[in-house]
Structures are given as C-alpha cells and as structure tokens.
C-alpha cells in the first residue's frame, strides 16, 4: 500500500495533492492507498473525486488519532510554509485507507 502524508496541509491544498496522488496511482494500477491528513473533510472529498473516475468506485475507511504528537507539531512548525492557522480545529490526524474498485 502506498502512503501520502499531507502533513499540515488543509483544503483546498490537501485535496489538490490527494487528487494528483490518487490519479497517478490509479494510472499505475494501484488499488489500495493510504492518505494521512489533519483535514476532517478529506475523506468525503476523496469519495466524491474517485466516483468521478469512469469505471471506478471507492471504499474508504478512516481512523483518527487522539491529538497530534509533539514530535509531529515540531516537525511541521519548522517548515517554512507552516502557518498556525493550519491547525485551527485540527484535533487529530486522520488515516484514510482508500480501496479503488473497478465497476
């Protein structure tokens, strides 16, 4: 399973990166992907996007961590693109397992 870690990115950037990742992996024939994000709406956006790909449907399973680790926060805060606003209403890290089905 291939993983994409979106770190501190929120929508619309998070969804743009997820769409590019999913499209590339579908083209390569991947059927199971993992995406990690703090964006709570990402799972529903991914479902809608994959269902627009002709001949494909999707099953998603999402798990949320309890909070964001201090190590992860330190790593993000050292990144030049980080903005404290990115963490607004972010209370955990979501791991979304995406299974792309042929219909």
PDB file of N, CA and C in Angstrom:
ATOM      1  N   UNK A   1       0.853  -1.176   0.000  1.00  0.00           N
ATOM      2  CA  UNK A   1       0.000   0.000   0.000  1.00  0.00           C
ATOM      3  C   UNK A   1       0.896   1.236   0.000  1.00  0.00           C
ATOM      4  N   UNK A   2       0.577   2.156  -0.869  1.00  0.00           N
ATOM      5  CA  UNK A   2       1.330   3.400  -0.988  1.00  0.00           C
ATOM      6  C   UNK A   2       0.694   4.456  -0.086  1.00  0.00           C
ATOM      7  N   UNK A   3       1.528   5.269   0.575  1.00  0.00           N
ATOM      8  CA  UNK A   3       1.030   6.273   1.512  1.00  0.00           C
ATOM      9  C   UNK A   3       1.398   7.691   1.069  1.00  0.00           C
ATOM     10  N   UNK A   4       0.471   8.615   1.285  1.00  0.00           N
ATOM     11  CA  UNK A   4       0.706  10.042   1.093  1.00  0.00           C
ATOM     12  C   UNK A   4       0.443  10.725   2.425  1.00  0.00           C
ATOM     13  N   UNK A   5       1.442  11.416   2.962  1.00  0.00           N
ATOM     14  CA  UNK A   5       1.288  12.169   4.207  1.00  0.00           C
ATOM     15  C   UNK A   5       1.143  13.645   3.849  1.00  0.00           C
ATOM     16  N   UNK A   6      -0.041  14.181   4.078  1.00  0.00           N
ATOM     17  CA  UNK A   6      -0.323  15.577   3.729  1.00  0.00           C
ATOM     18  C   UNK A   6       0.104  16.556   4.816  1.00  0.00           C
ATOM     19  N   UNK A   7       0.692  16.025   5.886  1.00  0.00           N
ATOM     20  CA  UNK A   7       1.215  16.857   6.964  1.00  0.00           C
ATOM     21  C   UNK A   7       0.186  17.866   7.444  1.00  0.00           C
ATOM     22  N   UNK A   8       0.544  19.146   7.448  1.00  0.00           N
ATOM     23  CA  UNK A   8      -0.307  20.210   7.989  1.00  0.00           C
ATOM     24  C   UNK A   8      -1.203  20.848   6.934  1.00  0.00           C
ATOM     25  N   UNK A   9      -1.172  20.366   5.711  1.00  0.00           N
ATOM     26  CA  UNK A   9      -1.952  20.995   4.638  1.00  0.00           C
ATOM     27  C   UNK A   9      -3.451  20.779   4.842  1.00  0.00           C
ATOM     28  N   UNK A  10      -4.215  21.822   4.584  1.00  0.00           N
ATOM     29  CA  UNK A  10      -5.670  21.789   4.683  1.00  0.00           C
ATOM     30  C   UNK A  10      -6.243  22.015   3.293  1.00  0.00           C
ATOM     31  N   UNK A  11      -7.535  21.778   3.145  1.00  0.00           N
ATOM     32  CA  UNK A  11      -8.188  22.015   1.865  1.00  0.00           C
ATOM     33  C   UNK A  11      -8.191  23.515   1.575  1.00  0.00           C
ATOM     34  N   UNK A  12      -8.042  23.917   0.346  1.00  0.00           N
ATOM     35  CA  UNK A  12      -8.085  23.097  -0.856  1.00  0.00           C
ATOM     36  C   UNK A  12      -6.756  22.425  -1.222  1.00  0.00           C
ATOM     37  N   UNK A  13      -5.642  22.854  -0.629  1.00  0.00           N
ATOM     38  CA  UNK A  13      -4.337  22.275  -0.986  1.00  0.00           C
ATOM     39  C   UNK A  13      -4.287  20.774  -0.732  1.00  0.00           C
ATOM     40  N   UNK A  14      -4.833  20.336   0.398  1.00  0.00           N
ATOM     41  CA  UNK A  14      -4.796  18.909   0.733  1.00  0.00           C
ATOM     42  C   UNK A  14      -5.528  18.089  -0.323  1.00  0.00           C
ATOM     43  N   UNK A  15      -6.677  18.557  -0.768  1.00  0.00           N
ATOM     44  CA  UNK A  15      -7.436  17.804  -1.767  1.00  0.00           C
ATOM     45  C   UNK A  15      -6.747  17.835  -3.114  1.00  0.00           C
ATOM     46  N   UNK A  16      -6.132  18.945  -3.472  1.00  0.00           N
ATOM     47  CA  UNK A  16      -5.396  19.018  -4.735  1.00  0.00           C
ATOM     48  C   UNK A  16      -4.277  17.988  -4.743  1.00  0.00           C
ATOM     49  N   UNK A  17      -3.514  17.911  -3.653  1.00  0.00           N
ATOM     50  CA  UNK A  17      -2.423  16.932  -3.571  1.00  0.00           C
ATOM     51  C   UNK A  17      -2.965  15.505  -3.566  1.00  0.00           C
ATOM     52  N   UNK A  18      -4.081  15.286  -2.877  1.00  0.00           N
ATOM     53  CA  UNK A  18      -4.685  13.950  -2.837  1.00  0.00           C
ATOM     54  C   UNK A  18      -5.182  13.540  -4.221  1.00  0.00           C
ATOM     55  N   UNK A  19      -5.804  14.460  -4.955  1.00  0.00           N
ATOM     56  CA  UNK A  19      -6.300  14.146  -6.305  1.00  0.00           C
ATOM     57  C   UNK A  19      -5.163  13.755  -7.233  1.00  0.00           C
ATOM     58  N   UNK A  20      -4.074  14.501  -7.199  1.00  0.00           N
ATOM     59  CA  UNK A  20      -2.918  14.185  -8.050  1.00  0.00           C
ATOM     60  C   UNK A  20      -2.374  12.809  -7.685  1.00  0.00           C
ATOM     61  N   UNK A  21      -2.217  12.543  -6.397  1.00  0.00           N
ATOM     62  CA  UNK A  21      -1.713  11.261  -5.907  1.00  0.00           C
ATOM     63  C   UNK A  21      -2.615  10.112  -6.355  1.00  0.00           C
ATOM     64  N   UNK A  22      -3.919  10.256  -6.135  1.00  0.00           N
ATOM     65  CA  UNK A  22      -4.869   9.197  -6.496  1.00  0.00           C
ATOM     66  C   UNK A  22      -4.869   8.961  -7.997  1.00  0.00           C
ATOM     67  N   UNK A  23      -4.906  10.029  -8.789  1.00  0.00           N
ATOM     68  CA  UNK A  23      -4.915   9.884 -10.252  1.00  0.00           C
ATOM     69  C   UNK A  23      -3.671   9.151 -10.742  1.00  0.00           C
ATOM     70  N   UNK A  24      -2.508   9.507 -10.198  1.00  0.00           N
ATOM     71  CA  UNK A  24      -1.262   8.830 -10.589  1.00  0.00           C
ATOM     72  C   UNK A  24      -1.302   7.356 -10.218  1.00  0.00           C
ATOM     73  N   UNK A  25      -1.775   7.054  -9.026  1.00  0.00           N
ATOM     74  CA  UNK A  25      -1.794   5.665  -8.557  1.00  0.00           C
ATOM     75  C   UNK A  25      -2.824   4.832  -9.310  1.00  0.00           C
ATOM     76  N   UNK A  26      -3.963   5.409  -9.663  1.00  0.00           N
ATOM     77  CA  UNK A  26      -4.955   4.694 -10.471  1.00  0.00           C
ATOM     78  C   UNK A  26      -4.351   4.366 -11.829  1.00  0.00           C
ATOM     79  N   UNK A  27      -3.647   5.334 -12.413  1.00  0.00           N
ATOM     80  CA  UNK A  27      -2.986   5.130 -13.710  1.00  0.00           C
ATOM     81  C   UNK A  27      -1.960   3.996 -13.626  1.00  0.00           C
ATOM     82  N   UNK A  28      -1.271   3.886 -12.483  1.00  0.00           N
ATOM     83  CA  UNK A  28      -0.266   2.840 -12.283  1.00  0.00           C
ATOM     84  C   UNK A  28      -0.884   1.500 -11.898  1.00  0.00           C
ATOM     85  N   UNK A  29      -2.196   1.473 -11.685  1.00  0.00           N
ATOM     86  CA  UNK A  29      -2.871   0.227 -11.343  1.00  0.00           C
ATOM     87  C   UNK A  29      -2.971  -0.069  -9.856  1.00  0.00           C
ATOM     88  N   UNK A  30      -2.590   0.883  -9.013  1.00  0.00           N
ATOM     89  CA  UNK A  30      -2.710   0.692  -7.562  1.00  0.00           C
ATOM     90  C   UNK A  30      -4.194   0.623  -7.193  1.00  0.00           C
ATOM     91  N   UNK A  31      -4.520  -0.220  -6.239  1.00  0.00           N
ATOM     92  CA  UNK A  31      -5.917  -0.327  -5.817  1.00  0.00           C
ATOM     93  C   UNK A  31      -6.122   0.004  -4.341  1.00  0.00           C
ATOM     94  N   UNK A  32      -5.042   0.073  -3.566  1.00  0.00           N
ATOM     95  CA  UNK A  32      -5.176   0.400  -2.149  1.00  0.00           C
ATOM     96  C   UNK A  32      -4.148   1.458  -1.771  1.00  0.00           C
ATOM     97  N   UNK A  33      -4.637   2.567  -1.257  1.00  0.00           N
ATOM     98  CA  UNK A  33      -3.800   3.710  -0.908  1.00  0.00           C
ATOM     99  C   UNK A  33      -4.098   4.142   0.521  1.00  0.00           C
ATOM    100  N   UNK A  34      -3.136   4.822   1.117  1.00  0.00           N
ATOM    101  CA  UNK A  34      -3.324   5.383   2.452  1.00  0.00           C
ATOM    102  C   UNK A  34      -2.954   6.865   2.400  1.00  0.00           C
ATOM    103  N   UNK A  35      -3.821   7.694   2.952  1.00  0.00           N
ATOM    104  CA  UNK A  35      -3.586   9.137   2.971  1.00  0.00           C
ATOM    105  C   UNK A  35      -3.738   9.615   4.413  1.00  0.00           C
ATOM    106  N   UNK A  36      -2.741  10.360   4.884  1.00  0.00           N
ATOM    107  CA  UNK A  36      -2.737  10.878   6.248  1.00  0.00           C
ATOM    108  C   UNK A  36      -2.899  12.394   6.197  1.00  0.00           C
ATOM    109  N   UNK A  37      -3.833  12.924   7.002  1.00  0.00           N
ATOM    110  CA  UNK A  37      -4.139  14.354   6.942  1.00  0.00           C
ATOM    111  C   UNK A  37      -4.797  14.827   8.235  1.00  0.00           C
ATOM    112  N   UNK A  38      -4.703  16.120   8.494  1.00  0.00           N
ATOM    113  CA  UNK A  38      -5.439  16.722   9.606  1.00  0.00           C
ATOM    114  C   UNK A  38      -6.768  17.315   9.128  1.00  0.00           C
ATOM    115  N   UNK A  39      -7.050  17.213   7.834  1.00  0.00           N
ATOM    116  CA  UNK A  39      -8.262  17.789   7.248  1.00  0.00           C
ATOM    117  C   UNK A  39      -9.457  16.857   7.483  1.00  0.00           C
ATOM    118  N   UNK A  40     -10.422  17.259   8.324  1.00  0.00           N
ATOM    119  CA  UNK A  40     -11.535  16.363   8.650  1.00  0.00           C
ATOM    120  C   UNK A  40     -12.481  16.064   7.488  1.00  0.00           C
ATOM    121  N   UNK A  41     -12.548  16.916   6.488  1.00  0.00           N
ATOM    122  CA  UNK A  41     -13.467  16.708   5.367  1.00  0.00           C
ATOM    123  C   UNK A  41     -12.843  15.934   4.208  1.00  0.00           C
ATOM    124  N   UNK A  42     -11.586  15.575   4.327  1.00  0.00           N
ATOM    125  CA  UNK A  42     -10.878  14.974   3.198  1.00  0.00           C
ATOM    126  C   UNK A  42     -11.501  13.658   2.738  1.00  0.00           C
ATOM    127  N   UNK A  43     -11.930  12.817   3.663  1.00  0.00           N
ATOM    128  CA  UNK A  43     -12.500  11.526   3.268  1.00  0.00           C
ATOM    129  C   UNK A  43     -13.697  11.701   2.336  1.00  0.00           C
ATOM    130  N   UNK A  44     -14.615  12.593   2.669  1.00  0.00           N
ATOM    131  CA  UNK A  44     -15.792  12.785   1.814  1.00  0.00           C
ATOM    132  C   UNK A  44     -15.406  13.379   0.465  1.00  0.00           C
ATOM    133  N   UNK A  45     -14.403  14.261   0.439  1.00  0.00           N
ATOM    134  CA  UNK A  45     -13.939  14.824  -0.834  1.00  0.00           C
ATOM    135  C   UNK A  45     -13.294  13.746  -1.702  1.00  0.00           C
ATOM    136  N   UNK A  46     -12.536  12.848  -1.085  1.00  0.00           N
ATOM    137  CA  UNK A  46     -11.890  11.755  -1.828  1.00  0.00           C
ATOM    138  C   UNK A  46     -12.942  10.836  -2.431  1.00  0.00           C
ATOM    139  N   UNK A  47     -13.957  10.480  -1.658  1.00  0.00           N
ATOM    140  CA  UNK A  47     -15.031   9.621  -2.176  1.00  0.00           C
ATOM    141  C   UNK A  47     -15.684  10.257  -3.401  1.00  0.00           C
ATOM    142  N   UNK A  48     -15.994  11.524  -3.308  1.00  0.00           N
ATOM    143  CA  UNK A  48     -16.628  12.219  -4.427  1.00  0.00           C
ATOM    144  C   UNK A  48     -15.715  12.244  -5.643  1.00  0.00           C
ATOM    145  N   UNK A  49     -14.427  12.495  -5.437  1.00  0.00           N
ATOM    146  CA  UNK A  49     -13.482  12.547  -6.551  1.00  0.00           C
ATOM    147  C   UNK A  49     -13.342  11.190  -7.233  1.00  0.00           C
ATOM    148  N   UNK A  50     -13.110  10.131  -6.471  1.00  0.00           N
ATOM    149  CA  UNK A  50     -12.900   8.811  -7.081  1.00  0.00           C
ATOM    150  C   UNK A  50     -14.140   8.362  -7.838  1.00  0.00           C
ATOM    151  N   UNK A  51     -15.309   8.707  -7.334  1.00  0.00           N
ATOM    152  CA  UNK A  51     -16.540   8.326  -8.024  1.00  0.00           C
ATOM    153  C   UNK A  51     -16.738   9.063  -9.343  1.00  0.00           C
ATOM    154  N   UNK A  52     -15.921  10.091  -9.620  1.00  0.00           N
ATOM    155  CA  UNK A  52     -15.988  10.768 -10.920  1.00  0.00           C
ATOM    156  C   UNK A  52     -15.077  10.109 -11.949  1.00  0.00           C
ATOM    157  N   UNK A  53     -14.213   9.190 -11.506  1.00  0.00           N
ATOM    158  CA  UNK A  53     -13.319   8.495 -12.431  1.00  0.00           C
ATOM    159  C   UNK A  53     -14.115   7.373 -13.085  1.00  0.00           C
ATOM    160  N   UNK A  54     -14.218   7.407 -14.402  1.00  0.00           N
ATOM    161  CA  UNK A  54     -15.036   6.442 -15.128  1.00  0.00           C
ATOM    162  C   UNK A  54     -14.609   5.010 -14.823  1.00  0.00           C
ATOM    163  N   UNK A  55     -15.599   4.186 -14.513  1.00  0.00           N
ATOM    164  CA  UNK A  55     -15.337   2.775 -14.258  1.00  0.00           C
ATOM    165  C   UNK A  55     -14.770   2.473 -12.884  1.00  0.00           C
ATOM    166  N   UNK A  56     -14.786   3.444 -11.982  1.00  0.00           N
ATOM    167  CA  UNK A  56     -14.217   3.248 -10.650  1.00  0.00           C
ATOM    168  C   UNK A  56     -15.229   3.639  -9.572  1.00  0.00           C
ATOM    169  N   UNK A  57     -15.157   2.943  -8.474  1.00  0.00           N
ATOM    170  CA  UNK A  57     -15.850   3.369  -7.261  1.00  0.00           C
ATOM    171  C   UNK A  57     -14.855   3.210  -6.124  1.00  0.00           C
ATOM    172  N   UNK A  58     -15.245   3.603  -4.936  1.00  0.00           N
ATOM    173  CA  UNK A  58     -14.276   3.655  -3.845  1.00  0.00           C
ATOM    174  C   UNK A  58     -14.905   3.202  -2.535  1.00  0.00           C
ATOM    175  N   UNK A  59     -14.075   2.575  -1.726  1.00  0.00           N
ATOM    176  CA  UNK A  59     -14.427   2.271  -0.345  1.00  0.00           C
ATOM    177  C   UNK A  59     -13.360   2.932   0.510  1.00  0.00           C
ATOM    178  N   UNK A  60     -13.772   3.729   1.474  1.00  0.00           N
ATOM    179  CA  UNK A  60     -12.821   4.402   2.366  1.00  0.00           C
ATOM    180  C   UNK A  60     -13.053   3.949   3.797  1.00  0.00           C
ATOM    181  N   UNK A  61     -11.968   3.817   4.505  1.00  0.00           N
ATOM    182  CA  UNK A  61     -12.013   3.523   5.934  1.00  0.00           C
ATOM    183  C   UNK A  61     -11.110   4.546   6.600  1.00  0.00           C
ATOM    184  N   UNK A  62     -11.636   5.259   7.572  1.00  0.00           N
ATOM    185  CA  UNK A  62     -10.887   6.347   8.191  1.00  0.00           C
ATOM    186  C   UNK A  62     -10.738   6.115   9.690  1.00  0.00           C
ATOM    187  N   UNK A  63      -9.543   6.391  10.185  1.00  0.00           N
ATOM    188  CA  UNK A  63      -9.262   6.320  11.616  1.00  0.00           C
ATOM    189  C   UNK A  63      -8.635   7.646  12.032  1.00  0.00           C
ATOM    190  N   UNK A  64      -9.022   8.128  13.200  1.00  0.00           N
ATOM    191  CA  UNK A  64      -8.488   9.398  13.697  1.00  0.00           C
ATOM    192  C   UNK A  64      -7.687   9.154  14.971  1.00  0.00           C
ATOM    193  N   UNK A  65      -6.511   9.757  15.021  1.00  0.00           N
ATOM    194  CA  UNK A  65      -5.699   9.663  16.236  1.00  0.00           C
ATOM    195  C   UNK A  65      -6.243  10.623  17.288  1.00  0.00           C
ATOM    196  N   UNK A  66      -5.885  10.375  18.517  1.00  0.00           N
ATOM    197  CA  UNK A  66      -6.258  11.289  19.600  1.00  0.00           C
ATOM    198  C   UNK A  66      -5.193  12.370  19.698  1.00  0.00           C
ATOM    199  N   UNK A  67      -5.431  13.475  19.052  1.00  0.00           N
ATOM    200  CA  UNK A  67      -4.484  14.583  19.090  1.00  0.00           C
ATOM    201  C   UNK A  67      -3.365  14.448  18.072  1.00  0.00           C
ATOM    202  N   UNK A  68      -2.470  15.418  18.111  1.00  0.00           N
ATOM    203  CA  UNK A  68      -1.309  15.472  17.219  1.00  0.00           C
ATOM    204  C   UNK A  68      -0.075  15.430  18.106  1.00  0.00           C
ATOM    205  N   UNK A  69       0.851  14.542  17.800  1.00  0.00           N
ATOM    206  CA  UNK A  69       2.028  14.364  18.658  1.00  0.00           C
ATOM    207  C   UNK A  69       2.905  15.617  18.665  1.00  0.00           C
ATOM    208  N   UNK A  70       3.610  15.805  19.763  1.00  0.00           N
ATOM    209  CA  UNK A  70       4.533  16.935  19.888  1.00  0.00           C
ATOM    210  C   UNK A  70       5.633  16.860  18.837  1.00  0.00           C
ATOM    211  N   UNK A  71       6.098  15.646  18.531  1.00  0.00           N
ATOM    212  CA  UNK A  71       7.130  15.478  17.501  1.00  0.00           C
ATOM    213  C   UNK A  71       6.624  15.948  16.145  1.00  0.00           C
ATOM    214  N   UNK A  72       5.382  15.583  15.819  1.00  0.00           N
ATOM    215  CA  UNK A  72       4.788  15.979  14.540  1.00  0.00           C
ATOM    216  C   UNK A  72       4.621  17.494  14.488  1.00  0.00           C
ATOM    217  N   UNK A  73       4.143  18.087  15.575  1.00  0.00           N
ATOM    218  CA  UNK A  73       3.978  19.546  15.621  1.00  0.00           C
ATOM    219  C   UNK A  73       5.311  20.260  15.448  1.00  0.00           C
ATOM    220  N   UNK A  74       6.350  19.780  16.101  1.00  0.00           N
ATOM    221  CA  UNK A  74       7.684  20.389  15.972  1.00  0.00           C
ATOM    222  C   UNK A  74       8.183  20.301  14.541  1.00  0.00           C
ATOM    223  N   UNK A  75       7.960  19.141  13.928  1.00  0.00           N
ATOM    224  CA  UNK A  75       8.377  18.952  12.532  1.00  0.00           C
ATOM    225  C   UNK A  75       7.653  19.937  11.622  1.00  0.00           C
ATOM    226  N   UNK A  76       6.347  20.066  11.788  1.00  0.00           N
ATOM    227  CA  UNK A  76       5.565  20.966  10.947  1.00  0.00           C
ATOM    228  C   UNK A  76       5.957  22.420  11.159  1.00  0.00           C
ATOM    229  N   UNK A  77       6.144  22.814  12.406  1.00  0.00           N
ATOM    230  CA  UNK A  77       6.455  24.214  12.710  1.00  0.00           C
ATOM    231  C   UNK A  77       7.810  24.639  12.165  1.00  0.00           C
ATOM    232  N   UNK A  78       8.680  23.689  11.887  1.00  0.00           N
ATOM    233  CA  UNK A  78       9.987  24.023  11.321  1.00  0.00           C
ATOM    234  C   UNK A  78       9.918  24.221   9.805  1.00  0.00           C
ATOM    235  N   UNK A  79       8.798  23.881   9.202  1.00  0.00           N
ATOM    236  CA  UNK A  79       8.626  24.011   7.756  1.00  0.00           C
ATOM    237  C   UNK A  79       8.273  25.455   7.422  1.00  0.00           C
ATOM    238  N   UNK A  80       8.890  26.011   6.389  1.00  0.00           N
ATOM    239  CA  UNK A  80       8.677  27.427   6.055  1.00  0.00           C
ATOM    240  C   UNK A  80       7.253  27.739   5.605  1.00  0.00           C
ATOM    241  N   UNK A  81       6.506  26.759   5.099  1.00  0.00           N
ATOM    242  CA  UNK A  81       5.137  27.012   4.647  1.00  0.00           C
ATOM    243  C   UNK A  81       4.109  26.887   5.771  1.00  0.00           C
ATOM    244  N   UNK A  82       4.539  26.463   6.955  1.00  0.00           N
ATOM    245  CA  UNK A  82       3.607  26.260   8.063  1.00  0.00           C
ATOM    246  C   UNK A  82       3.032  27.584   8.548  1.00  0.00           C
ATOM    247  N   UNK A  83       1.742  27.563   8.856  1.00  0.00           N
ATOM    248  CA  UNK A  83       1.038  28.707   9.430  1.00  0.00           C
ATOM    249  C   UNK A  83       0.193  28.170  10.589  1.00  0.00           C
ATOM    250  N   UNK A  84       0.218  28.832  11.725  1.00  0.00           N
ATOM    251  CA  UNK A  84      -0.555  28.383  12.895  1.00  0.00           C
ATOM    252  C   UNK A  84      -2.034  28.180  12.556  1.00  0.00           C
ATOM    253  N   UNK A  85      -2.544  28.955  11.583  1.00  0.00           N
ATOM    254  CA  UNK A  85      -3.945  28.817  11.181  1.00  0.00           C
ATOM    255  C   UNK A  85      -4.246  27.431  10.619  1.00  0.00           C
ATOM    256  N   UNK A  86      -3.216  26.743  10.117  1.00  0.00           N
ATOM    257  CA  UNK A  86      -3.414  25.396   9.580  1.00  0.00           C
ATOM    258  C   UNK A  86      -3.934  24.436  10.646  1.00  0.00           C
ATOM    259  N   UNK A  87      -3.644  24.723  11.894  1.00  0.00           N
ATOM    260  CA  UNK A  87      -4.049  23.828  12.980  1.00  0.00           C
ATOM    261  C   UNK A  87      -5.415  24.159  13.568  1.00  0.00           C
ATOM    262  N   UNK A  88      -6.059  25.206  13.043  1.00  0.00           N
ATOM    263  CA  UNK A  88      -7.369  25.587  13.556  1.00  0.00           C
ATOM    264  C   UNK A  88      -8.342  24.419  13.422  1.00  0.00           C
ATOM    265  N   UNK A  89      -8.961  24.049  14.521  1.00  0.00           N
ATOM    266  CA  UNK A  89      -9.915  22.933  14.592  1.00  0.00           C
ATOM    267  C   UNK A  89      -9.315  21.577  14.235  1.00  0.00           C
ATOM    268  N   UNK A  90      -8.010  21.476  14.200  1.00  0.00           N
ATOM    269  CA  UNK A  90      -7.356  20.186  13.939  1.00  0.00           C
ATOM    270  C   UNK A  90      -7.104  19.521  15.286  1.00  0.00           C
ATOM    271  N   UNK A  91      -7.845  18.463  15.551  1.00  0.00           N
ATOM    272  CA  UNK A  91      -7.718  17.810  16.853  1.00  0.00           C
ATOM    273  C   UNK A  91      -7.209  16.377  16.748  1.00  0.00           C
ATOM    274  N   UNK A  92      -6.706  16.023  15.583  1.00  0.00           N
ATOM    275  CA  UNK A  92      -6.166  14.683  15.383  1.00  0.00           C
ATOM    276  C   UNK A  92      -5.676  14.508  13.968  1.00  0.00           C
ATOM    277  N   UNK A  93      -5.057  13.363  13.736  1.00  0.00           N
ATOM    278  CA  UNK A  93      -4.562  13.026  12.402  1.00  0.00           C
ATOM    279  C   UNK A  93      -5.425  11.884  11.874  1.00  0.00           C
ATOM    280  N   UNK A  94      -5.978  12.074  10.693  1.00  0.00           N
ATOM    281  CA  UNK A  94      -6.818  11.065  10.059  1.00  0.00           C
ATOM    282  C   UNK A  94      -5.965  10.209   9.131  1.00  0.00           C
ATOM    283  N   UNK A  95      -6.148   8.911   9.225  1.00  0.00           N
ATOM    284  CA  UNK A  95      -5.546   7.994   8.268  1.00  0.00           C
ATOM    285  C   UNK A  95      -6.694   7.409   7.465  1.00  0.00           C
ATOM    286  N   UNK A  96      -6.680   7.688   6.174  1.00  0.00           N
ATOM    287  CA  UNK A  96      -7.760   7.261   5.291  1.00  0.00           C
ATOM    288  C   UNK A  96      -7.212   6.176   4.375  1.00  0.00           C
ATOM    289  N   UNK A  97      -7.779   4.977   4.476  1.00  0.00           N
ATOM    290  CA  UNK A  97      -7.400   3.889   3.580  1.00  0.00           C
ATOM    291  C   UNK A  97      -8.419   3.886   2.446  1.00  0.00           C
ATOM    292  N   UNK A  98      -7.917   4.035   1.237  1.00  0.00           N
ATOM    293  CA  UNK A  98      -8.752   4.147   0.047  1.00  0.00           C
ATOM    294  C   UNK A  98      -8.600   2.872  -0.771  1.00  0.00           C
ATOM    295  N   UNK A  99      -9.705   2.176  -1.016  1.00  0.00           N
ATOM    296  CA  UNK A  99      -9.702   0.990  -1.870  1.00  0.00           C
ATOM    297  C   UNK A  99     -10.481   1.342  -3.129  1.00  0.00           C
ATOM    298  N   UNK A 100      -9.782   1.331  -4.248  1.00  0.00           N
ATOM    299  CA  UNK A 100     -10.387   1.712  -5.518  1.00  0.00           C
ATOM    300  C   UNK A 100     -10.866   0.446  -6.217  1.00  0.00           C
ATOM    301  N   UNK A 101     -12.144   0.432  -6.555  1.00  0.00           N
ATOM    302  CA  UNK A 101     -12.770  -0.741  -7.153  1.00  0.00           C
ATOM    303  C   UNK A 101     -13.092  -0.482  -8.615  1.00  0.00           C
ATOM    304  N   UNK A 102     -12.975  -1.517  -9.430  1.00  0.00           N
ATOM    305  CA  UNK A 102     -13.403  -1.444 -10.829  1.00  0.00           C
ATOM    306  C   UNK A 102     -14.865  -1.868 -10.875  1.00  0.00           C
ATOM    307  N   UNK A 103     -15.672  -1.101 -11.603  1.00  0.00           N
ATOM    308  CA  UNK A 103     -17.091  -1.466 -11.708  1.00  0.00           C
ATOM    309  C   UNK A 103     -17.444  -1.806 -13.134  1.00  0.00           C
TER     310      UNK A 103
END
